[in-house]
């Protein structure tokens, strides 16, 4: 008995190693590496091109022969790019905070409270995911103009608060929570508002973090609605700023790449720090 143990353990270890490096696994790994390189290559090209000179930016070389920071210096000194980024940050942060607040309350009511027409309301909210932005662009603009919100922060923020995807994802998460937590709080005399504030919200931190990333990035990269609702240069967001910058400096790709790199940096940082919350929220709540 003791003689067979030293033999079986190395054999089992070799089997695990053989299965780990089987042909299908190696093929999938190679495919994943190739797709990963193809995905990040445009990003690497943008970053390296932002350090090239005007004479070198259109060359086929990936790395700059003579790196320079003049492109970034020009973007921040000759163009109000900081103003564009500040406008995008104000709009994105405000929409994110308000959307998480309203969406979490709506999702809690649709998931945990029982009232007449609850399922119908949720179905109507969910059906708005089937409507694309071009369909509602003109009606939304007419409503915003009638309210006098054109060329204002309110016009950029208010229409972007509602998002059916956020309500759907939060509702799916709240449905999966144990009912015993809410029942125990009701026995202790807590109101629904107290349950929402003291029980539901603390448990929702992972998914709220993921939705915060989704909402912030969606509004940071927003282009069509800010282009429709604003004409004041002082209210220009970063994506409109890059488009205008590209029109003015169509041949100076070194400046355009530097501006695009600066605009993409906040989104890359947010995804880098919150990628775990994004994956976990989709895995735990999105498909339940």
Protein backbone atom coordinates (compact mmCIF):
# COMPACT_ATOMS: atom_id res chain seq x y z
CA UNK A 1 0.00 0.00 0.00
CA UNK A 2 2.77 2.37 0.86
CA UNK A 3 4.63 1.45 -2.32
CA UNK A 4 1.77 2.41 -4.59
CA UNK A 5 1.29 5.93 -3.15
CA UNK A 6 4.62 7.36 -4.39
CA UNK A 7 3.85 5.94 -7.82
CA UNK A 8 0.26 7.16 -8.15
CA UNK A 9 0.99 10.74 -7.10
CA UNK A 10 3.58 11.45 -9.85
CA UNK A 11 1.31 9.75 -12.36
CA UNK A 12 -1.65 11.92 -11.35
CA UNK A 13 0.57 15.00 -11.52
CA UNK A 14 1.73 14.07 -15.01
CA UNK A 15 -1.86 13.49 -16.12
CA UNK A 16 -2.84 16.97 -14.88
CA UNK A 17 0.11 18.51 -16.69
CA UNK A 18 -0.72 16.61 -19.89
CA UNK A 19 -4.35 17.71 -19.74
CA UNK A 20 -3.27 21.29 -19.07
CA UNK A 21 -1.14 21.34 -22.23
CA UNK A 22 -3.49 19.39 -24.49
CA UNK A 23 -3.91 20.48 -28.11
CA UNK A 24 -7.32 22.16 -27.68
CA UNK A 25 -6.07 24.17 -24.72
CA UNK A 26 -2.91 25.23 -26.55
CA UNK A 27 -4.95 26.22 -29.61
CA UNK A 28 -7.33 28.28 -27.48
CA UNK A 29 -4.42 29.91 -25.70
CA UNK A 30 -2.76 30.86 -28.99
CA UNK A 31 -6.07 32.19 -30.31
CA UNK A 32 -6.57 34.25 -27.15
CA UNK A 33 -3.07 35.71 -27.38
CA UNK A 34 -3.57 36.65 -31.04
CA UNK A 35 -6.95 38.28 -30.34
CA UNK A 36 -5.49 40.10 -27.35
CA UNK A 37 -2.63 41.49 -29.42
CA UNK A 38 -5.00 42.57 -32.18
CA UNK A 39 -7.18 44.30 -29.58
CA UNK A 40 -4.44 46.27 -27.86
CA UNK A 41 -2.43 47.08 -31.00
CA UNK A 42 -4.50 50.21 -31.92
CA UNK A 43 -4.16 51.44 -28.34
CA UNK A 44 -0.38 50.90 -28.38
CA UNK A 45 -0.17 52.63 -31.77
CA UNK A 46 -2.10 55.62 -30.42
CA UNK A 47 0.07 55.97 -27.33
CA UNK A 48 3.39 55.60 -29.18
CA UNK A 49 2.22 57.88 -31.98
CA UNK A 50 1.44 60.62 -29.47
CA UNK A 51 5.17 60.84 -28.69
CA UNK A 52 6.25 61.10 -32.34
CA UNK A 53 7.09 64.26 -34.21
CA UNK A 54 5.05 65.54 -37.14
CA UNK A 55 7.58 64.17 -39.61
CA UNK A 56 7.58 60.71 -38.00
CA UNK A 57 3.93 60.18 -37.06
CA UNK A 58 2.98 58.69 -40.45
CA UNK A 59 5.92 56.31 -40.56
CA UNK A 60 5.52 52.54 -40.29
CA UNK A 61 7.67 52.23 -37.18
CA UNK A 62 5.83 51.48 -33.96
CA UNK A 63 8.26 53.12 -31.53
CA UNK A 64 9.26 56.77 -31.93
CA UNK A 65 12.87 57.35 -32.89
CA UNK A 66 12.97 60.71 -31.11
CA UNK A 67 10.26 60.80 -28.38
CA UNK A 68 8.89 64.22 -27.55
CA UNK A 69 6.34 65.73 -25.16
CA UNK A 70 5.66 68.73 -27.39
CA UNK A 71 2.40 67.20 -28.60
CA UNK A 72 0.96 67.05 -25.08
CA UNK A 73 2.33 70.49 -24.32
CA UNK A 74 0.55 71.88 -27.38
CA UNK A 75 -2.75 70.15 -26.51
CA UNK A 76 -2.84 71.61 -23.01
CA UNK A 77 -1.58 75.10 -23.86
CA UNK A 78 -3.05 75.95 -27.27
CA UNK A 79 -6.41 74.19 -26.91
CA UNK A 80 -8.89 74.41 -23.96
CA UNK A 81 -8.63 70.64 -23.53
CA UNK A 82 -8.74 70.80 -19.75
CA UNK A 83 -12.08 72.60 -20.05
CA UNK A 84 -13.41 69.80 -22.26
CA UNK A 85 -12.28 67.16 -19.77
CA UNK A 86 -13.79 69.12 -16.87
CA UNK A 87 -17.15 69.32 -18.65
CA UNK A 88 -17.08 65.58 -19.34
CA UNK A 89 -16.16 64.85 -15.73
CA UNK A 90 -18.97 67.03 -14.35
CA UNK A 91 -21.57 65.44 -16.62
CA UNK A 92 -20.31 61.87 -16.17
CA UNK A 93 -19.94 62.06 -12.39
CA UNK A 94 -23.32 63.75 -11.86
CA UNK A 95 -25.16 61.31 -14.12
CA UNK A 96 -23.44 58.36 -12.41
CA UNK A 97 -24.39 59.44 -8.88
CA UNK A 98 -27.99 60.33 -9.73
CA UNK A 99 -28.50 57.24 -11.88
CA UNK A 100 -27.23 54.88 -9.17
CA UNK A 101 -29.47 56.53 -6.60
CA UNK A 102 -32.68 56.48 -8.66
CA UNK A 103 -31.99 53.12 -10.30
CA UNK A 104 -31.29 51.37 -7.02
CA UNK A 105 -34.54 52.65 -5.52
CA UNK A 106 -36.54 51.68 -8.62
CA UNK A 107 -34.93 48.26 -8.78
CA UNK A 108 -35.58 47.64 -5.08
CA UNK A 109 -39.25 48.49 -5.51
CA UNK A 110 -39.59 46.29 -8.60
CA UNK A 111 -37.79 43.37 -6.97
CA UNK A 112 -38.86 43.34 -3.31
CA UNK A 113 -42.12 45.26 -3.01
CA UNK A 114 -45.46 43.82 -4.04
CA UNK A 115 -47.92 46.17 -5.72
CA UNK A 116 -50.36 46.05 -8.60
CA UNK A 117 -48.80 46.42 -12.03
CA UNK A 118 -45.24 45.77 -10.87
CA UNK A 119 -44.43 43.25 -13.60
CA UNK A 120 -46.06 45.43 -16.26
CA UNK A 121 -43.96 48.42 -15.23
CA UNK A 122 -40.79 46.35 -15.32
CA UNK A 123 -41.72 45.00 -18.76
CA UNK A 124 -42.24 48.52 -20.07
CA UNK A 125 -38.91 49.66 -18.65
CA UNK A 126 -37.14 46.62 -20.06
CA UNK A 127 -38.72 47.14 -23.50
CA UNK A 128 -36.97 50.51 -23.81
CA UNK A 129 -33.73 48.58 -24.34
CA UNK A 130 -35.10 47.72 -27.79
CA UNK A 131 -35.33 51.40 -28.75
CA UNK A 132 -32.11 52.87 -30.15
CA UNK A 133 -30.92 56.42 -29.59
CA UNK A 134 -31.63 57.74 -33.13
CA UNK A 135 -35.32 56.87 -32.67
CA UNK A 136 -35.75 59.01 -29.56
CA UNK A 137 -33.17 61.69 -30.39
CA UNK A 138 -35.56 64.20 -31.98
CA UNK A 139 -38.43 63.74 -29.44
CA UNK A 140 -35.96 64.09 -26.57
CA UNK A 141 -34.51 67.25 -28.12
CA UNK A 142 -38.00 68.74 -28.53
CA UNK A 143 -38.79 68.06 -24.86
CA UNK A 144 -35.48 69.48 -23.66
CA UNK A 145 -35.88 72.57 -25.82
CA UNK A 146 -39.41 73.16 -24.53
CA UNK A 147 -38.02 73.02 -20.97
CA UNK A 148 -35.35 75.60 -21.83
CA UNK A 149 -32.44 73.25 -21.14
CA UNK A 150 -30.58 73.71 -24.43
CA UNK A 151 -26.91 74.74 -23.99
CA UNK A 152 -26.84 73.90 -20.29
CA UNK A 153 -25.43 71.27 -17.98
CA UNK A 154 -28.99 70.23 -17.13
CA UNK A 155 -29.65 69.43 -20.78
CA UNK A 156 -26.58 67.20 -20.85
CA UNK A 157 -27.33 65.49 -17.53
CA UNK A 158 -31.09 65.00 -17.10
CA UNK A 159 -31.85 62.95 -20.26
CA UNK A 160 -28.88 60.67 -19.58
CA UNK A 161 -29.96 59.65 -16.07
CA UNK A 162 -32.51 57.01 -17.05
CA UNK A 163 -30.98 53.72 -18.17
CA UNK A 164 -33.08 50.57 -18.38
CA UNK A 165 -29.98 48.37 -18.30
CA UNK A 166 -29.04 49.63 -14.83
CA UNK A 167 -32.53 49.02 -13.46
CA UNK A 168 -32.61 45.55 -14.99
CA UNK A 169 -29.19 44.55 -13.64
CA UNK A 170 -29.95 45.85 -10.13
CA UNK A 171 -33.35 44.18 -10.07
CA UNK A 172 -31.80 40.85 -11.01
CA UNK A 173 -29.33 41.28 -8.18
CA UNK A 174 -32.00 42.18 -5.63
CA UNK A 175 -34.17 39.22 -6.64
CA UNK A 176 -31.28 36.89 -5.80
CA UNK A 177 -30.88 38.26 -2.25
CA UNK A 178 -32.25 36.06 0.59
CA UNK A 179 -35.73 37.08 1.68
CA UNK A 180 -34.83 36.27 5.31
CA UNK A 181 -32.78 39.46 5.57
CA UNK A 182 -35.76 41.63 4.74
CA UNK A 183 -38.12 39.60 6.89
CA UNK A 184 -35.82 39.92 9.91
CA UNK A 185 -35.64 43.69 9.43
CA UNK A 186 -39.45 43.92 9.18
CA UNK A 187 -39.82 41.94 12.40
CA UNK A 188 -37.51 44.43 14.11
CA UNK A 189 -39.81 47.23 13.02
CA UNK A 190 -37.72 48.66 10.20
CA UNK A 191 -39.49 50.49 7.39
CA UNK A 192 -38.88 49.77 3.73
CA UNK A 193 -36.78 52.92 3.45
CA UNK A 194 -34.64 51.77 6.39
CA UNK A 195 -34.28 48.31 4.86
CA UNK A 196 -33.20 49.85 1.57
CA UNK A 197 -30.70 52.16 3.23
CA UNK A 198 -29.26 49.83 5.90
CA UNK A 199 -29.57 46.37 4.34
CA UNK A 200 -29.89 46.56 0.57
CA UNK A 201 -27.38 49.30 -0.22
CA UNK A 202 -24.47 47.78 1.78
CA UNK A 203 -25.01 44.49 -0.02
CA UNK A 204 -25.12 46.27 -3.38
CA UNK A 205 -21.64 47.77 -3.27
CA UNK A 206 -20.04 45.37 -5.79
CA UNK A 207 -22.73 45.76 -8.42
CA UNK A 208 -23.06 49.50 -7.79
CA UNK A 209 -19.32 49.83 -8.36
CA UNK A 210 -19.62 48.00 -11.66
CA UNK A 211 -22.58 50.11 -12.77
CA UNK A 212 -20.71 53.25 -11.77
CA UNK A 213 -17.98 52.27 -14.22
CA UNK A 214 -20.54 51.53 -16.94
CA UNK A 215 -22.39 54.82 -16.47
CA UNK A 216 -19.25 56.93 -16.18
CA UNK A 217 -17.65 55.46 -19.30
CA UNK A 218 -20.87 55.69 -21.31
CA UNK A 219 -21.26 59.38 -20.52
CA UNK A 220 -17.55 60.12 -20.85
CA UNK A 221 -17.64 58.69 -24.39
CA UNK A 222 -20.99 60.28 -25.27
CA UNK A 223 -20.92 62.15 -28.57
CA UNK A 224 -24.31 62.26 -30.35
CA UNK A 225 -26.39 63.81 -27.58
CA UNK A 226 -23.86 66.53 -26.59
CA UNK A 227 -23.48 67.36 -30.29
CA UNK A 228 -27.27 67.74 -30.56
CA UNK A 229 -27.95 69.71 -27.41
CA UNK A 230 -24.99 72.10 -27.15
CA UNK A 231 -23.45 74.77 -29.37
CA UNK A 232 -21.62 76.74 -26.68
CA UNK A 233 -17.84 76.05 -26.82
CA UNK A 234 -17.67 76.37 -23.03
CA UNK A 235 -20.00 73.35 -22.70
CA UNK A 236 -18.10 71.20 -25.18
CA UNK A 237 -17.29 67.73 -23.81
CA UNK A 238 -14.10 65.85 -24.50
CA UNK A 239 -15.39 63.74 -27.41
CA UNK A 240 -16.70 66.83 -29.19
CA UNK A 241 -13.41 68.53 -28.41
CA UNK A 242 -11.46 65.73 -30.10
CA UNK A 243 -13.75 65.86 -33.16
CA UNK A 244 -13.32 69.62 -33.44
CA UNK A 245 -9.60 69.27 -32.81
CA UNK A 246 -9.34 66.68 -35.60
CA UNK A 247 -11.15 68.97 -38.04
CA UNK A 248 -8.83 71.86 -37.26
CA UNK A 249 -5.64 69.78 -37.32
CA UNK A 250 -6.55 67.13 -39.88
CA UNK A 251 -2.97 66.75 -41.07
CA UNK A 252 -1.30 66.99 -37.65
CA UNK A 253 -1.92 63.45 -36.44
CA UNK A 254 0.65 63.79 -33.68
CA UNK A 255 -1.58 66.37 -31.96
CA UNK A 256 -4.73 64.31 -32.59
CA UNK A 257 -3.16 61.16 -31.12
CA UNK A 258 -1.97 63.07 -28.06
CA UNK A 259 -5.47 64.46 -27.47
CA UNK A 260 -7.03 61.01 -27.94
CA UNK A 261 -4.56 59.48 -25.48
CA UNK A 262 -5.39 62.08 -22.83
CA UNK A 263 -9.13 61.50 -23.35
CA UNK A 264 -8.76 57.72 -23.13
CA UNK A 265 -6.60 57.73 -19.99
CA UNK A 266 -9.46 58.09 -17.42
CA UNK A 267 -11.43 55.27 -19.06
CA UNK A 268 -8.41 52.96 -19.05
CA UNK A 269 -7.70 53.70 -15.39
CA UNK A 270 -11.30 53.05 -14.35
CA UNK A 271 -11.43 49.75 -16.21
CA UNK A 272 -8.06 48.73 -14.75
CA UNK A 273 -9.13 49.33 -11.16
CA UNK A 274 -12.74 48.09 -11.44
CA UNK A 275 -12.50 45.22 -13.93
CA UNK A 276 -13.11 42.65 -11.17
CA UNK A 277 -16.38 44.33 -10.15
CA UNK A 278 -17.51 44.44 -13.78
CA UNK A 279 -16.92 40.74 -14.34
CA UNK A 280 -18.42 39.71 -11.00
CA UNK A 281 -21.56 41.82 -11.49
CA UNK A 282 -22.27 40.28 -14.88
CA UNK A 283 -21.53 36.77 -13.65
CA UNK A 284 -23.55 36.98 -10.43
CA UNK A 285 -26.47 39.18 -11.44
CA UNK A 286 -26.71 39.54 -15.18
CA UNK A 287 -27.67 35.97 -16.01
CA UNK A 288 -29.88 35.04 -13.03
